[in-house]
Amino acid sequence: MGMEMFNMYAQLYESERGFQKACEQIAFLNGRLDDLQMTYEKAVRDKDKCFRFKLRMRILVAEGLLQTYCQYACLNKNEVLDLRFKLYGENPDEGETLYAGFDEFDDADQELLYAAYH
């Protein structure tokens, strides 16, 4: 039982660390997206079609990365909540569980995370 508990504590630490790093990346990507959006709007005003296309591709890539990090953060958060329940008996507040599976992840969840870490 002792080694199993040790492994659970180690897994909890790694999950919390992964969640924290994902949140940092989400904050960074939000700032990057804001910068890209402002630059894109300037390119639209200047009617620079070539640069607009290049910026639009960068925006799409950044949005894809943001969604991936949001999903990863949700998975780690749920793992942290599960491990805390197993180790300490802590029950998460209703609605605290952020993500149940990839099929159920929708734009509302992404907007919630975007607002929380923006």
Protein backbone atom coordinates (compact mmCIF):
# COMPACT_ATOMS: atom_id res chain seq x y z
CA MET A 1 0.00 0.00 0.00
CA GLY A 2 2.88 2.39 0.74
CA MET A 3 4.37 2.21 -2.74
CA GLU A 4 0.95 2.70 -4.32
CA MET A 5 0.39 5.84 -2.24
CA PHE A 6 3.84 7.12 -3.17
CA ASN A 7 3.04 6.61 -6.86
CA MET A 8 -0.26 8.45 -6.46
CA TYR A 9 1.50 11.41 -4.80
CA ALA A 10 4.07 11.48 -7.60
CA GLN A 11 1.33 11.32 -10.21
CA LEU A 12 -0.54 14.15 -8.43
CA TYR A 13 2.60 16.30 -8.46
CA GLU A 14 3.20 15.66 -12.17
CA SER A 15 -0.43 16.36 -13.05
CA GLU A 16 -0.44 19.63 -11.11
CA ARG A 17 2.82 20.63 -12.74
CA GLY A 18 1.48 19.81 -16.20
CA PHE A 19 -1.71 21.75 -15.51
CA GLN A 20 0.25 24.79 -14.36
CA LYS A 21 2.51 24.74 -17.43
CA ALA A 22 -0.50 24.34 -19.72
CA CYS A 23 -2.12 27.37 -18.09
CA GLU A 24 1.05 29.38 -18.68
CA GLN A 25 1.04 28.36 -22.34
CA ILE A 26 -2.65 29.27 -22.64
CA ALA A 27 -1.92 32.74 -21.26
CA PHE A 28 1.02 33.13 -23.67
CA LEU A 29 -1.03 31.97 -26.67
CA ASN A 30 -3.86 34.35 -25.76
CA GLY A 31 -1.40 37.25 -25.88
CA ARG A 32 0.08 35.98 -29.12
CA LEU A 33 -3.38 35.69 -30.68
CA ASP A 34 -4.21 39.25 -29.65
CA ASP A 35 -1.01 40.50 -31.29
CA LEU A 36 -1.69 38.53 -34.46
CA GLN A 37 -5.27 39.79 -34.62
CA MET A 38 -4.14 43.42 -34.35
CA THR A 39 -1.52 42.89 -37.05
CA TYR A 40 -4.09 41.14 -39.26
CA GLU A 41 -6.56 44.01 -38.86
CA LYS A 42 -3.82 46.46 -39.87
CA ALA A 43 -3.07 44.35 -42.95
CA VAL A 44 -6.77 44.41 -43.84
CA ARG A 45 -6.83 48.21 -43.52
CA ASP A 46 -3.70 48.46 -45.68
CA LYS A 47 -5.16 45.99 -48.24
CA ASP A 48 -2.04 43.82 -48.09
CA LYS A 49 -3.49 40.51 -49.35
CA CYS A 50 -0.24 38.53 -49.30
CA PHE A 51 0.58 39.45 -45.71
CA ARG A 52 -3.07 38.91 -44.68
CA PHE A 53 -2.97 35.32 -45.89
CA LYS A 54 0.26 34.64 -44.02
CA LEU A 55 -1.16 36.17 -40.83
CA ARG A 56 -4.41 34.23 -41.17
CA MET A 57 -2.45 30.98 -41.33
CA ARG A 58 -0.50 31.94 -38.20
CA ILE A 59 -3.76 32.80 -36.42
CA LEU A 60 -5.23 29.41 -37.34
CA VAL A 61 -2.15 27.60 -36.05
CA ALA A 62 -2.20 29.58 -32.79
CA GLU A 63 -5.92 28.85 -32.34
CA GLY A 64 -5.29 25.14 -32.90
CA LEU A 65 -2.49 25.16 -30.34
CA LEU A 66 -4.70 27.03 -27.89
CA GLN A 67 -7.46 24.45 -28.24
CA THR A 68 -4.96 21.61 -27.76
CA TYR A 69 -3.53 23.20 -24.61
CA CYS A 70 -7.06 23.78 -23.29
CA GLN A 71 -7.90 20.12 -23.76
CA TYR A 72 -4.62 19.09 -22.13
CA ALA A 73 -5.25 21.44 -19.19
CA CYS A 74 -8.74 20.01 -18.74
CA LEU A 75 -7.43 16.45 -18.71
CA ASN A 76 -4.77 17.31 -16.13
CA LYS A 77 -7.24 19.24 -13.97
CA ASN A 78 -9.60 16.28 -13.88
CA GLU A 79 -6.73 13.93 -13.07
CA VAL A 80 -5.71 16.25 -10.21
CA LEU A 81 -9.29 16.29 -8.90
CA ASP A 82 -9.53 12.49 -9.08
CA LEU A 83 -6.19 11.99 -7.31
CA ARG A 84 -7.04 14.51 -4.60
CA PHE A 85 -10.30 12.66 -4.00
CA LYS A 86 -8.47 9.33 -3.73
CA LEU A 87 -5.70 10.68 -1.51
CA TYR A 88 -7.46 13.24 0.66
CA GLY A 89 -11.16 12.57 0.19
CA GLU A 90 -11.69 16.05 -1.28
CA ASN A 91 -14.87 16.32 -3.28
CA PRO A 92 -14.71 18.78 -6.16
CA ASP A 93 -17.30 21.52 -6.15
CA GLU A 94 -20.13 21.05 -8.60
CA GLY A 95 -18.99 22.26 -12.00
CA GLU A 96 -15.32 22.11 -11.03
CA THR A 97 -14.70 19.13 -13.28
CA LEU A 98 -13.83 20.86 -16.52
CA TYR A 99 -13.72 18.12 -19.09
CA ALA A 100 -15.18 14.66 -19.39
CA GLY A 101 -13.91 13.60 -22.81
CA PHE A 102 -12.85 14.80 -26.24
CA ASP A 103 -16.29 14.15 -27.73
CA GLU A 104 -17.94 16.44 -25.20
CA PHE A 105 -15.45 19.30 -25.54
CA ASP A 106 -17.14 22.17 -27.34
CA ASP A 107 -16.67 25.86 -28.00
CA ALA A 108 -18.38 26.83 -24.73
CA ASP A 109 -15.72 24.96 -22.73
CA GLN A 110 -12.95 26.56 -24.77
CA GLU A 111 -14.45 30.02 -24.22
CA LEU A 112 -14.67 29.30 -20.49
CA LEU A 113 -10.98 28.40 -20.34
CA TYR A 114 -10.05 31.30 -22.60
CA ALA A 115 -11.86 33.73 -20.28
CA ALA A 116 -10.40 32.14 -17.15
CA TYR A 117 -6.80 32.40 -18.28
CA HIS A 118 -6.96 35.57 -20.38
